[in-house]
Protein backbone atom coordinates (compact mmCIF):
# COMPACT_ATOMS: atom_id res chain seq x y z
CA MET A 1 18.11 121.00 -63.10
CA GLY A 2 18.59 117.32 -62.85
CA ALA A 3 19.06 114.60 -65.61
CA PHE A 4 15.99 113.58 -67.68
CA THR A 5 15.28 110.12 -67.69
CA VAL A 6 12.72 107.80 -69.74
CA LEU A 7 11.56 106.48 -66.38
CA GLY A 8 10.87 109.92 -64.97
CA ALA A 9 9.07 110.91 -68.01
CA ILE A 10 6.58 107.77 -67.78
CA ILE A 11 6.21 108.46 -63.95
CA ILE A 12 5.33 112.21 -64.45
CA LEU A 13 3.07 111.39 -67.63
CA THR A 14 1.20 108.51 -66.13
CA GLY A 15 0.75 110.60 -62.81
CA TRP A 16 -0.34 113.69 -64.95
CA PHE A 17 -2.77 112.08 -66.97
CA ALA A 18 -4.42 109.78 -64.00
CA LEU A 19 -4.93 112.91 -61.82
CA MET A 20 -6.40 115.27 -64.48
CA GLU A 21 -8.67 112.52 -65.59
CA TYR A 22 -9.77 111.50 -62.08
CA ASP A 23 -10.18 115.20 -61.11
CA GLN A 24 -12.74 115.47 -64.18
CA TYR A 25 -15.06 112.94 -62.72
CA PRO A 26 -18.28 114.51 -60.23
CA GLU A 27 -17.66 113.94 -56.69
CA SER A 28 -20.12 110.93 -56.58
CA GLU A 29 -18.42 109.18 -59.13
CA ARG A 30 -14.79 109.93 -57.20
CA LYS A 31 -16.15 108.23 -54.35
CA ARG A 32 -17.36 105.27 -56.00
CA ILE A 33 -14.03 104.64 -57.54
CA VAL A 34 -12.13 104.95 -54.26
CA GLU A 35 -14.77 102.62 -52.96
CA ARG A 36 -14.15 100.08 -55.65
CA ILE A 37 -10.41 100.23 -55.19
CA LYS A 38 -10.84 99.73 -51.64
CA ASN A 39 -13.07 96.54 -52.05
CA SER A 40 -10.95 95.00 -54.76
CA PRO A 41 -7.59 93.31 -54.39
CA ALA A 42 -6.80 93.49 -58.03
CA ALA A 43 -7.43 97.24 -58.10
CA ILE A 44 -5.27 97.90 -54.98
CA ILE A 45 -2.33 95.91 -56.53
CA ALA A 46 -2.74 97.76 -59.78
CA VAL A 47 -2.70 101.15 -57.82
CA ALA A 48 0.36 100.07 -55.93
CA LEU A 49 2.68 99.10 -58.97
CA MET A 50 3.95 102.43 -59.13
CA PRO A 51 5.03 103.22 -55.84
CA VAL A 52 6.34 99.60 -55.53
CA GLY A 53 8.35 99.81 -58.76
CA ILE A 54 9.76 103.10 -57.49
CA VAL A 55 11.05 101.90 -54.38
CA VAL A 56 12.54 98.72 -55.95
CA ASN A 57 14.05 100.75 -58.69
CA MET A 58 15.44 103.15 -56.12
CA LEU A 59 17.00 100.15 -53.96
CA GLY A 60 18.22 98.58 -57.10
CA ASN A 61 20.23 101.58 -58.04
CA ALA A 62 21.52 102.17 -54.36
CA ILE A 63 22.97 98.60 -54.20
CA GLY A 64 23.89 98.15 -57.88
CA SER A 65 21.35 95.58 -59.04
CA LEU A 66 20.64 95.74 -62.64
CA TRP A 67 17.74 93.21 -61.90
CA MET A 68 16.07 95.11 -59.28
CA VAL A 69 16.12 98.20 -61.44
CA VAL A 70 14.53 96.49 -64.48
CA ILE A 71 11.81 94.80 -62.29
CA GLY A 72 10.95 98.26 -60.77
CA ALA A 73 11.04 99.85 -63.92
CA THR A 74 8.54 97.11 -65.19
CA LEU A 75 6.26 97.70 -62.47
CA ILE A 76 6.07 101.28 -63.41
CA PHE A 77 5.78 100.59 -67.38
CA VAL A 78 3.01 98.13 -66.69
CA GLN A 79 0.96 100.47 -64.62
CA SER A 80 1.48 103.13 -67.10
CA ILE A 81 -0.09 101.02 -69.53
CA ILE A 82 -2.89 100.04 -67.13
CA VAL A 83 -3.67 103.58 -66.54
CA SER A 84 -3.94 104.34 -70.47
CA LEU A 85 -6.37 101.28 -70.80
CA LEU A 86 -8.55 102.19 -67.60
CA PHE A 87 -9.47 105.60 -69.53
CA TRP A 88 -10.37 103.97 -72.86
CA LYS A 89 -13.93 104.40 -72.70
CA ARG A 90 -14.10 107.95 -71.33
CA LYS A 91 -11.38 109.81 -73.38
CA ARG A 92 -10.22 107.75 -76.12
CA TRP A 93 -8.32 109.87 -77.88
CA LYS A 94 -6.19 110.69 -74.75
CA SER A 95 -5.82 107.21 -73.85
CA ILE A 96 -4.51 106.26 -77.29
CA VAL A 97 -2.07 109.03 -77.15
CA LEU A 98 -0.88 108.00 -73.55
CA LEU A 99 -0.64 104.28 -74.78
CA VAL A 100 1.56 105.14 -77.82
CA THR A 101 3.68 107.46 -75.55
CA MET A 102 4.24 104.71 -73.18
CA ILE A 103 5.05 102.05 -75.74
CA VAL A 104 7.62 104.55 -77.48
CA LEU A 105 9.06 105.37 -74.08
CA GLY A 106 9.24 101.72 -73.21
CA VAL A 107 11.14 101.04 -76.29
CA PHE A 108 13.61 103.49 -75.03
CA LEU A 109 13.80 101.93 -71.51
CA TYR A 110 14.29 98.44 -72.43
CA MET A 111 16.77 99.43 -75.62
CA PRO A 112 19.95 99.12 -73.66
CA LEU A 113 19.24 95.87 -72.26
CA PHE A 114 19.24 94.54 -75.91
CA MET A 115 22.24 96.30 -77.08
């Protein structure tokens, strides 16, 4: 088993939460959500934050650029906060747990930059 990273935990928890909550919507609501995402540039950007963040982070690690790693991690972290807030009205308690967890993981993620 590989090393456990804070960024990996953020990616797994955010992806799991989004997929589990999306799966609980009825089929008609899912289609409406997909159409709303297709028609909104802001929603497309919000959805693209994690994949772009992963690619930027990997490139930063490959070439040894700390700033690319930080920018990639920040994109992933921002999307995790957005996901926790998107489900605020549907499942408030899960959303609060995810938001608090992401903030705590974010503190651990950025702590080495300030030490």
